[in-house]
Amino acid sequence: MASPDKKAFLLRLDRELWAAIERLAAAELRSINGQIEYLLREALARRIGSPQGPPLRKAGPTRD
């Protein structure tokens, strides 16, 4: 079950993208949900630049 401080939403991905994320998640010992969140945080930090952007929690291996 999701924690109360997280927003749940539906995300549609094509099969190839899902499979790639699934393989990466398994290699990095994360759940698929945790891997997607990690990738989004990583991309956001690169896009906005860490010092100017909002603080991001460091996402490590998770089991959602």
Protein backbone atom coordinates (compact mmCIF):
# COMPACT_ATOMS: atom_id res chain seq x y z
CA MET A 1 0.00 0.00 0.00
CA ALA A 2 1.27 3.48 -0.86
CA SER A 3 2.27 5.78 1.95
CA PRO A 4 -0.15 8.66 2.65
CA ASP A 5 2.38 11.30 1.51
CA LYS A 6 2.54 9.89 -2.03
CA LYS A 7 0.21 10.69 -4.91
CA ALA A 8 -1.09 7.70 -6.86
CA PHE A 9 -1.86 8.00 -10.57
CA LEU A 10 -2.22 5.85 -13.65
CA LEU A 11 0.72 5.73 -16.07
CA ARG A 12 0.54 3.96 -19.42
CA LEU A 13 3.84 2.72 -20.88
CA ASP A 14 4.54 0.74 -24.01
CA ARG A 15 5.75 -2.83 -23.52
CA GLU A 16 9.35 -2.16 -24.57
CA LEU A 17 9.77 0.72 -22.14
CA TRP A 18 8.17 -1.32 -19.35
CA ALA A 19 10.52 -4.24 -20.05
CA ALA A 20 13.58 -1.97 -20.00
CA ILE A 21 12.53 -0.41 -16.68
CA GLU A 22 11.76 -3.85 -15.27
CA ARG A 23 15.25 -5.14 -16.19
CA LEU A 24 16.93 -2.05 -14.73
CA ALA A 25 14.88 -2.29 -11.53
CA ALA A 26 15.86 -5.94 -11.09
CA ALA A 27 19.54 -5.14 -11.67
CA GLU A 28 19.42 -2.31 -9.10
CA LEU A 29 17.29 -4.25 -6.59
CA ARG A 30 14.35 -1.85 -6.73
CA SER A 31 10.66 -2.34 -7.34
CA ILE A 32 9.42 -1.08 -10.69
CA ASN A 33 7.59 1.75 -8.93
CA GLY A 34 10.74 2.62 -6.99
CA GLN A 35 12.79 2.54 -10.19
CA ILE A 36 10.40 4.87 -12.03
CA GLU A 37 10.48 7.29 -9.09
CA TYR A 38 14.29 7.10 -8.99
CA LEU A 39 14.57 7.79 -12.74
CA LEU A 40 12.15 10.72 -12.52
CA ARG A 41 14.06 12.26 -9.60
CA GLU A 42 17.37 11.78 -11.42
CA ALA A 43 16.02 13.40 -14.61
CA LEU A 44 14.47 16.27 -12.65
CA ALA A 45 17.71 16.95 -10.79
CA ARG A 46 19.59 17.09 -14.11
CA ARG A 47 16.94 19.30 -15.72
CA ILE A 48 16.55 21.87 -12.94
CA GLY A 49 20.04 21.65 -11.46
CA SER A 50 20.37 20.59 -7.87
CA PRO A 51 21.36 23.90 -6.17
CA GLN A 52 18.53 25.97 -7.68
CA GLY A 53 15.84 23.32 -7.58
CA PRO A 54 13.75 21.93 -4.76
CA PRO A 55 15.52 19.48 -2.46
CA LEU A 56 15.06 15.90 -3.59
CA ARG A 57 15.10 12.94 -1.25
CA LYS A 58 17.81 10.50 -2.13
CA ALA A 59 16.00 7.44 -3.45
CA GLY A 60 17.77 4.19 -2.73
CA PRO A 61 16.65 0.60 -3.15
CA THR A 62 13.03 0.16 -2.14
CA ARG A 63 10.41 -2.54 -2.07
CA ASP A 64 6.99 -1.01 -2.82
